[in-house]
Amino acid sequence: MLAALFRHTGSAHALWTHIGFSIFAAIAVGIAAFILRSSEPYSNAGRAMRTLGAWLIGAVTLQMVLGFAAWAVVGDDYGPDRVVMYDELATAQGPNTARTLIATAHQANGALLLGLTAAAWAWARSAASRR
């Protein structure tokens, strides 16, 4: 929500809060991913958790790289390059392709990361309940 607030309003406060929370989220996901990677490799559940852990490590790493790239390209002042609202279409500037591609990749990878985290949680919970 903070990233969307920044994207739509250009609020630097929303951006810096998003960056701060992302550091804690990356640490938490990283810890969970390394725990999943230490699952035993001899059962289907263990192999699935190890695979999910590897995917989480890759996704969180890519997310941080894309986040730094987005910050380097956009900075903390979106200004006139923020999302154009319907009533501004007639006077809007054309999109900046690099900014658009980096921001879209960061947003899409964030959705992937959320999905992988939910899948890992559900799989680990299911495996724990079978014990």
Protein backbone atom coordinates (compact mmCIF):
# COMPACT_ATOMS: atom_id res chain seq x y z
CA MET A 1 0.00 0.00 0.00
CA LEU A 2 2.87 2.36 0.75
CA ALA A 3 4.40 1.84 -2.68
CA ALA A 4 1.03 2.45 -4.32
CA LEU A 5 0.57 5.59 -2.24
CA PHE A 6 3.98 6.83 -3.42
CA ARG A 7 3.27 5.86 -7.01
CA HIS A 8 -0.06 7.70 -7.09
CA THR A 9 0.72 10.75 -4.96
CA GLY A 10 4.48 11.16 -5.06
CA SER A 11 4.63 11.19 -1.23
CA ALA A 12 8.28 10.89 -0.16
CA HIS A 13 7.11 9.83 3.31
CA ALA A 14 5.28 6.83 1.81
CA LEU A 15 8.40 5.89 -0.15
CA TRP A 16 10.75 6.02 2.83
CA THR A 17 8.29 4.10 5.00
CA HIS A 18 8.03 1.47 2.24
CA ILE A 19 11.83 1.23 2.10
CA GLY A 20 12.06 0.87 5.88
CA PHE A 21 9.46 -1.87 6.07
CA SER A 22 11.00 -3.65 3.08
CA ILE A 23 14.26 -4.12 4.97
CA PHE A 24 12.45 -5.92 7.80
CA ALA A 25 10.37 -7.95 5.32
CA ALA A 26 13.48 -9.00 3.37
CA ILE A 27 15.20 -10.14 6.57
CA ALA A 28 12.13 -12.12 7.69
CA VAL A 29 11.68 -13.76 4.28
CA GLY A 30 15.39 -14.49 4.10
CA ILE A 31 15.35 -16.23 7.48
CA ALA A 32 12.27 -18.26 6.50
CA ALA A 33 13.85 -19.16 3.15
CA PHE A 34 17.05 -20.42 4.75
CA ILE A 35 15.02 -22.44 7.26
CA LEU A 36 13.09 -23.97 4.36
CA ARG A 37 16.35 -24.70 2.55
CA SER A 38 17.50 -26.72 5.57
CA SER A 39 14.53 -29.11 5.26
CA GLU A 40 15.41 -32.75 4.86
CA PRO A 41 15.78 -33.76 1.18
CA TYR A 42 14.41 -37.32 1.44
CA SER A 43 10.65 -36.74 1.20
CA ASN A 44 8.43 -34.95 -1.30
CA ALA A 45 7.47 -32.38 1.34
CA GLY A 46 11.11 -31.74 2.25
CA ARG A 47 12.13 -31.32 -1.38
CA ALA A 48 9.19 -28.98 -2.02
CA MET A 49 10.13 -26.83 0.98
CA ARG A 50 13.77 -26.73 -0.13
CA THR A 51 12.66 -25.65 -3.61
CA LEU A 52 10.34 -22.97 -2.21
CA GLY A 53 13.20 -21.74 -0.03
CA ALA A 54 15.46 -21.42 -3.06
CA TRP A 55 12.76 -19.55 -4.98
CA LEU A 56 12.21 -17.22 -2.03
CA ILE A 57 15.91 -16.44 -1.79
CA GLY A 58 16.01 -15.62 -5.50
CA ALA A 59 12.82 -13.58 -5.43
CA VAL A 60 13.76 -11.51 -2.36
CA THR A 61 17.22 -10.85 -3.81
CA LEU A 62 15.74 -9.78 -7.14
CA GLN A 63 13.18 -7.63 -5.34
CA MET A 64 15.86 -5.75 -3.44
CA VAL A 65 17.92 -5.24 -6.63
CA LEU A 66 14.87 -3.98 -8.51
CA GLY A 67 13.94 -1.76 -5.57
CA PHE A 68 17.38 -0.14 -5.53
CA ALA A 69 17.22 0.24 -9.32
CA ALA A 70 13.79 1.87 -9.08
CA TRP A 71 15.02 4.21 -6.37
CA ALA A 72 18.14 5.08 -8.41
CA VAL A 73 16.06 5.84 -11.51
CA VAL A 74 13.09 7.52 -9.84
CA GLY A 75 14.56 8.95 -6.64
CA ASP A 76 12.20 10.10 -3.92
CA ASP A 77 10.43 12.72 -6.00
CA TYR A 78 8.13 11.22 -8.59
CA GLY A 79 6.75 14.66 -9.38
CA PRO A 80 5.26 14.85 -12.87
CA ASP A 81 6.17 11.20 -13.63
CA ARG A 82 3.74 9.72 -11.13
CA VAL A 83 0.74 7.73 -12.33
CA VAL A 84 -1.50 9.90 -14.48
CA MET A 85 -5.10 10.12 -13.35
CA TYR A 86 -8.03 10.14 -15.80
CA ASP A 87 -8.59 13.89 -15.54
CA GLU A 88 -4.93 14.61 -16.40
CA LEU A 89 -4.69 12.59 -19.63
CA ALA A 90 -5.02 15.57 -21.96
CA THR A 91 -1.95 17.34 -20.52
CA ALA A 92 0.15 14.33 -19.45
CA GLN A 93 3.73 13.78 -20.59
CA GLY A 94 4.70 10.57 -22.35
CA PRO A 95 5.94 7.74 -20.13
CA ASN A 96 9.61 7.22 -19.32
CA THR A 97 10.26 3.69 -20.61
CA ALA A 98 13.13 2.82 -18.23
CA ARG A 99 11.20 3.98 -15.18
CA THR A 100 8.10 2.13 -16.31
CA LEU A 101 9.92 -1.16 -16.95
CA ILE A 102 11.83 -1.11 -13.67
CA ALA A 103 8.80 -0.13 -11.59
CA THR A 104 6.62 -2.75 -13.31
CA ALA A 105 9.24 -5.48 -12.81
CA HIS A 106 9.55 -4.49 -9.12
CA GLN A 107 5.77 -4.58 -8.68
CA ALA A 108 5.37 -7.92 -10.51
CA ASN A 109 8.21 -9.53 -8.58
CA GLY A 110 6.67 -8.27 -5.35
CA ALA A 111 3.47 -10.11 -6.27
CA LEU A 112 5.50 -13.25 -7.02
CA LEU A 113 7.29 -12.90 -3.70
CA LEU A 114 3.98 -12.56 -1.85
CA GLY A 115 2.64 -15.66 -3.59
CA LEU A 116 5.78 -17.70 -2.87
CA THR A 117 5.68 -16.64 0.78
CA ALA A 118 2.04 -17.68 1.09
CA ALA A 119 2.77 -21.02 -0.63
CA ALA A 120 5.76 -21.67 1.64
CA TRP A 121 3.71 -20.87 4.75
CA ALA A 122 0.86 -23.12 3.62
CA TRP A 123 3.19 -25.98 2.67
CA ALA A 124 5.15 -25.81 5.91
CA ARG A 125 1.95 -25.62 7.97
CA SER A 126 0.52 -28.61 6.12
CA ALA A 127 3.72 -30.62 6.60
CA ALA A 128 3.84 -29.75 10.31
CA SER A 129 0.24 -30.85 10.85
CA ARG A 130 0.99 -34.27 9.34
CA ARG A 131 3.65 -35.01 12.00
